[in-house]
Amino acid sequence: MRDKAEGTFHEVKGKVKEIAGKITDNPKLEGKGKAEKIAGKVQEKVGQVKKVLGK
């Protein structure tokens, strides 16, 4: 459950960074946001798999 919650948190945080990067015309921040958003999605999926496997 923890992985899923943390994954969601990182996904949202990444989306905020991505939008901030677009608004401020900062491609580096936008890229970091996209990467964090993807990492969050992966972590969320790991949490779902662990739940299914009962770990």
PDB file of N, CA and C in Angstrom:
ATOM      1  N   MET A   1       0.825  -1.195   0.000  1.00  0.00           N
ATOM      2  CA  MET A   1       0.000   0.000   0.000  1.00  0.00           C
ATOM      3  C   MET A   1       0.867   1.255   0.000  1.00  0.00           C
ATOM      4  N   ARG A   2       2.005   1.150   0.700  1.00  0.00           N
ATOM      5  CA  ARG A   2       2.893   2.300   0.803  1.00  0.00           C
ATOM      6  C   ARG A   2       3.448   2.693  -0.571  1.00  0.00           C
ATOM      7  N   ASP A   3       3.847   1.686  -1.375  1.00  0.00           N
ATOM      8  CA  ASP A   3       4.380   1.970  -2.705  1.00  0.00           C
ATOM      9  C   ASP A   3       3.358   2.699  -3.563  1.00  0.00           C
ATOM     10  N   LYS A   4       2.116   2.253  -3.469  1.00  0.00           N
ATOM     11  CA  LYS A   4       1.066   2.869  -4.281  1.00  0.00           C
ATOM     12  C   LYS A   4       0.850   4.326  -3.874  1.00  0.00           C
ATOM     13  N   ALA A   5       0.809   4.593  -2.577  1.00  0.00           N
ATOM     14  CA  ALA A   5       0.608   5.964  -2.096  1.00  0.00           C
ATOM     15  C   ALA A   5       1.783   6.853  -2.471  1.00  0.00           C
ATOM     16  N   GLU A   6       3.000   6.354  -2.265  1.00  0.00           N
ATOM     17  CA  GLU A   6       4.178   7.146  -2.628  1.00  0.00           C
ATOM     18  C   GLU A   6       4.254   7.357  -4.129  1.00  0.00           C
ATOM     19  N   GLY A   7       3.868   6.363  -4.889  1.00  0.00           N
ATOM     20  CA  GLY A   7       3.856   6.491  -6.346  1.00  0.00           C
ATOM     21  C   GLY A   7       2.904   7.578  -6.797  1.00  0.00           C
ATOM     22  N   THR A   8       1.736   7.607  -6.218  1.00  0.00           N
ATOM     23  CA  THR A   8       0.756   8.642  -6.547  1.00  0.00           C
ATOM     24  C   THR A   8       1.291  10.014  -6.186  1.00  0.00           C
ATOM     25  N   PHE A   9       1.928  10.117  -5.019  1.00  0.00           N
ATOM     26  CA  PHE A   9       2.511  11.388  -4.582  1.00  0.00           C
ATOM     27  C   PHE A   9       3.556  11.878  -5.589  1.00  0.00           C
ATOM     28  N   HIS A  10       4.455  10.987  -6.001  1.00  0.00           N
ATOM     29  CA  HIS A  10       5.504  11.379  -6.944  1.00  0.00           C
ATOM     30  C   HIS A  10       4.928  11.709  -8.317  1.00  0.00           C
ATOM     31  N   GLU A  11       3.886  11.013  -8.694  1.00  0.00           N
ATOM     32  CA  GLU A  11       3.241  11.286  -9.982  1.00  0.00           C
ATOM     33  C   GLU A  11       2.658  12.698  -9.986  1.00  0.00           C
ATOM     34  N   VAL A  12       1.975  13.060  -8.913  1.00  0.00           N
ATOM     35  CA  VAL A  12       1.383  14.397  -8.807  1.00  0.00           C
ATOM     36  C   VAL A  12       2.483  15.462  -8.736  1.00  0.00           C
ATOM     37  N   LYS A  13       3.492  15.195  -7.933  1.00  0.00           N
ATOM     38  CA  LYS A  13       4.604  16.136  -7.791  1.00  0.00           C
ATOM     39  C   LYS A  13       5.302  16.344  -9.144  1.00  0.00           C
ATOM     40  N   GLY A  14       5.485  15.269  -9.891  1.00  0.00           N
ATOM     41  CA  GLY A  14       6.097  15.363 -11.213  1.00  0.00           C
ATOM     42  C   GLY A  14       5.253  16.174 -12.169  1.00  0.00           C
ATOM     43  N   LYS A  15       3.951  15.996 -12.111  1.00  0.00           N
ATOM     44  CA  LYS A  15       3.042  16.746 -12.986  1.00  0.00           C
ATOM     45  C   LYS A  15       3.130  18.237 -12.678  1.00  0.00           C
ATOM     46  N   VAL A  16       3.209  18.583 -11.388  1.00  0.00           N
ATOM     47  CA  VAL A  16       3.332  19.993 -10.991  1.00  0.00           C
ATOM     48  C   VAL A  16       4.632  20.580 -11.545  1.00  0.00           C
ATOM     49  N   LYS A  17       5.729  19.836 -11.417  1.00  0.00           N
ATOM     50  CA  LYS A  17       7.011  20.308 -11.935  1.00  0.00           C
ATOM     51  C   LYS A  17       6.953  20.473 -13.450  1.00  0.00           C
ATOM     52  N   GLU A  18       6.306  19.517 -14.113  1.00  0.00           N
ATOM     53  CA  GLU A  18       6.185  19.571 -15.564  1.00  0.00           C
ATOM     54  C   GLU A  18       5.430  20.831 -15.992  1.00  0.00           C
ATOM     55  N   ILE A  19       4.324  21.107 -15.343  1.00  0.00           N
ATOM     56  CA  ILE A  19       3.535  22.300 -15.666  1.00  0.00           C
ATOM     57  C   ILE A  19       4.324  23.568 -15.352  1.00  0.00           C
ATOM     58  N   ALA A  20       4.999  23.580 -14.199  1.00  0.00           N
ATOM     59  CA  ALA A  20       5.803  24.749 -13.825  1.00  0.00           C
ATOM     60  C   ALA A  20       6.901  24.996 -14.859  1.00  0.00           C
ATOM     61  N   GLY A  21       7.505  23.928 -15.342  1.00  0.00           N
ATOM     62  CA  GLY A  21       8.534  24.056 -16.367  1.00  0.00           C
ATOM     63  C   GLY A  21       7.998  24.634 -17.658  1.00  0.00           C
ATOM     64  N   LYS A  22       6.784  24.229 -18.040  1.00  0.00           N
ATOM     65  CA  LYS A  22       6.151  24.775 -19.246  1.00  0.00           C
ATOM     66  C   LYS A  22       5.838  26.249 -19.070  1.00  0.00           C
ATOM     67  N   ILE A  23       5.269  26.596 -17.921  1.00  0.00           N
ATOM     68  CA  ILE A  23       4.871  27.976 -17.656  1.00  0.00           C
ATOM     69  C   ILE A  23       6.081  28.911 -17.641  1.00  0.00           C
ATOM     70  N   THR A  24       7.167  28.458 -17.009  1.00  0.00           N
ATOM     71  CA  THR A  24       8.353  29.306 -16.873  1.00  0.00           C
ATOM     72  C   THR A  24       9.338  29.125 -18.026  1.00  0.00           C
ATOM     73  N   ASP A  25       8.951  28.338 -19.026  1.00  0.00           N
ATOM     74  CA  ASP A  25       9.805  28.067 -20.178  1.00  0.00           C
ATOM     75  C   ASP A  25      11.152  27.502 -19.726  1.00  0.00           C
ATOM     76  N   ASN A  26      11.072  26.506 -18.838  1.00  0.00           N
ATOM     77  CA  ASN A  26      12.259  25.865 -18.291  1.00  0.00           C
ATOM     78  C   ASN A  26      12.218  24.382 -18.681  1.00  0.00           C
ATOM     79  N   PRO A  27      12.834  24.038 -19.817  1.00  0.00           N
ATOM     80  CA  PRO A  27      12.760  22.653 -20.283  1.00  0.00           C
ATOM     81  C   PRO A  27      13.406  21.652 -19.325  1.00  0.00           C
ATOM     82  N   LYS A  28      14.414  22.086 -18.570  1.00  0.00           N
ATOM     83  CA  LYS A  28      15.069  21.182 -17.618  1.00  0.00           C
ATOM     84  C   LYS A  28      14.087  20.771 -16.516  1.00  0.00           C
ATOM     85  N   LEU A  29      13.360  21.736 -15.959  1.00  0.00           N
ATOM     86  CA  LEU A  29      12.367  21.447 -14.924  1.00  0.00           C
ATOM     87  C   LEU A  29      11.234  20.601 -15.490  1.00  0.00           C
ATOM     88  N   GLU A  30      10.820  20.919 -16.694  1.00  0.00           N
ATOM     89  CA  GLU A  30       9.756  20.151 -17.346  1.00  0.00           C
ATOM     90  C   GLU A  30      10.189  18.691 -17.523  1.00  0.00           C
ATOM     91  N   GLY A  31      11.434  18.485 -17.938  1.00  0.00           N
ATOM     92  CA  GLY A  31      11.957  17.128 -18.115  1.00  0.00           C
ATOM     93  C   GLY A  31      12.035  16.368 -16.806  1.00  0.00           C
ATOM     94  N   LYS A  32      12.494  17.059 -15.749  1.00  0.00           N
ATOM     95  CA  LYS A  32      12.553  16.420 -14.429  1.00  0.00           C
ATOM     96  C   LYS A  32      11.155  16.022 -13.970  1.00  0.00           C
ATOM     97  N   GLY A  33      10.191  16.890 -14.245  1.00  0.00           N
ATOM     98  CA  GLY A  33       8.810  16.597 -13.865  1.00  0.00           C
ATOM     99  C   GLY A  33       8.270  15.374 -14.583  1.00  0.00           C
ATOM    100  N   LYS A  34       8.542  15.290 -15.875  1.00  0.00           N
ATOM    101  CA  LYS A  34       8.085  14.128 -16.650  1.00  0.00           C
ATOM    102  C   LYS A  34       8.714  12.840 -16.120  1.00  0.00           C
ATOM    103  N   ALA A  35      10.018  12.910 -15.826  1.00  0.00           N
ATOM    104  CA  ALA A  35      10.710  11.725 -15.311  1.00  0.00           C
ATOM    105  C   ALA A  35      10.138  11.305 -13.961  1.00  0.00           C
ATOM    106  N   GLU A  36       9.880  12.275 -13.075  1.00  0.00           N
ATOM    107  CA  GLU A  36       9.334  11.946 -11.754  1.00  0.00           C
ATOM    108  C   GLU A  36       7.922  11.387 -11.868  1.00  0.00           C
ATOM    109  N   LYS A  37       7.157  11.927 -12.808  1.00  0.00           N
ATOM    110  CA  LYS A  37       5.793  11.438 -13.023  1.00  0.00           C
ATOM    111  C   LYS A  37       5.816   9.978 -13.481  1.00  0.00           C
ATOM    112  N   ILE A  38       6.712   9.649 -14.394  1.00  0.00           N
ATOM    113  CA  ILE A  38       6.828   8.273 -14.879  1.00  0.00           C
ATOM    114  C   ILE A  38       7.287   7.350 -13.752  1.00  0.00           C
ATOM    115  N   ALA A  39       8.272   7.794 -12.974  1.00  0.00           N
ATOM    116  CA  ALA A  39       8.754   6.992 -11.849  1.00  0.00           C
ATOM    117  C   ALA A  39       7.629   6.740 -10.851  1.00  0.00           C
ATOM    118  N   GLY A  40       6.802   7.746 -10.644  1.00  0.00           N
ATOM    119  CA  GLY A  40       5.665   7.586  -9.744  1.00  0.00           C
ATOM    120  C   GLY A  40       4.679   6.554 -10.245  1.00  0.00           C
ATOM    121  N   LYS A  41       4.429   6.561 -11.548  1.00  0.00           N
ATOM    122  CA  LYS A  41       3.514   5.578 -12.129  1.00  0.00           C
ATOM    123  C   LYS A  41       4.067   4.162 -11.964  1.00  0.00           C
ATOM    124  N   VAL A  42       5.377   4.018 -12.161  1.00  0.00           N
ATOM    125  CA  VAL A  42       6.012   2.705 -12.006  1.00  0.00           C
ATOM    126  C   VAL A  42       5.889   2.243 -10.557  1.00  0.00           C
ATOM    127  N   GLN A  43       6.186   3.129  -9.621  1.00  0.00           N
ATOM    128  CA  GLN A  43       6.119   2.771  -8.208  1.00  0.00           C
ATOM    129  C   GLN A  43       4.690   2.391  -7.814  1.00  0.00           C
ATOM    130  N   GLU A  44       3.726   3.096  -8.367  1.00  0.00           N
ATOM    131  CA  GLU A  44       2.321   2.783  -8.086  1.00  0.00           C
ATOM    132  C   GLU A  44       1.980   1.382  -8.595  1.00  0.00           C
ATOM    133  N   LYS A  45       2.476   1.031  -9.780  1.00  0.00           N
ATOM    134  CA  LYS A  45       2.230  -0.307 -10.338  1.00  0.00           C
ATOM    135  C   LYS A  45       2.892  -1.384  -9.475  1.00  0.00           C
ATOM    136  N   VAL A  46       4.090  -1.094  -8.959  1.00  0.00           N
ATOM    137  CA  VAL A  46       4.772  -2.040  -8.078  1.00  0.00           C
ATOM    138  C   VAL A  46       3.902  -2.311  -6.853  1.00  0.00           C
ATOM    139  N   GLY A  47       3.310  -1.254  -6.315  1.00  0.00           N
ATOM    140  CA  GLY A  47       2.419  -1.411  -5.170  1.00  0.00           C
ATOM    141  C   GLY A  47       1.211  -2.278  -5.495  1.00  0.00           C
ATOM    142  N   GLN A  48       0.679  -2.119  -6.703  1.00  0.00           N
ATOM    143  CA  GLN A  48      -0.474  -2.925  -7.109  1.00  0.00           C
ATOM    144  C   GLN A  48      -0.072  -4.399  -7.239  1.00  0.00           C
ATOM    145  N   VAL A  49       1.096  -4.660  -7.807  1.00  0.00           N
ATOM    146  CA  VAL A  49       1.567  -6.030  -7.974  1.00  0.00           C
ATOM    147  C   VAL A  49       1.806  -6.679  -6.611  1.00  0.00           C
ATOM    148  N   LYS A  50       2.426  -5.934  -5.694  1.00  0.00           N
ATOM    149  CA  LYS A  50       2.672  -6.468  -4.352  1.00  0.00           C
ATOM    150  C   LYS A  50       1.364  -6.812  -3.659  1.00  0.00           C
ATOM    151  N   LYS A  51       0.346  -5.993  -3.879  1.00  0.00           N
ATOM    152  CA  LYS A  51      -0.951  -6.248  -3.262  1.00  0.00           C
ATOM    153  C   LYS A  51      -1.542  -7.547  -3.795  1.00  0.00           C
ATOM    154  N   VAL A  52      -1.444  -7.738  -5.113  1.00  0.00           N
ATOM    155  CA  VAL A  52      -1.970  -8.948  -5.733  1.00  0.00           C
ATOM    156  C   VAL A  52      -1.222 -10.184  -5.238  1.00  0.00           C
ATOM    157  N   LEU A  53       0.097 -10.049  -5.078  1.00  0.00           N
ATOM    158  CA  LEU A  53       0.907 -11.175  -4.642  1.00  0.00           C
ATOM    159  C   LEU A  53       0.855 -11.383  -3.138  1.00  0.00           C
ATOM    160  N   GLY A  54       0.244 -10.427  -2.436  1.00  0.00           N
ATOM    161  CA  GLY A  54       0.112 -10.555  -0.997  1.00  0.00           C
ATOM    162  C   GLY A  54       1.382 -10.256  -0.226  1.00  0.00           C
ATOM    163  N   LYS A  55       2.209  -9.394  -0.763  1.00  0.00           N
ATOM    164  CA  LYS A  55       3.483  -9.070  -0.093  1.00  0.00           C
ATOM    165  C   LYS A  55       3.398  -7.726   0.565  1.00  0.00           C
TER     166      LYS A  55
END
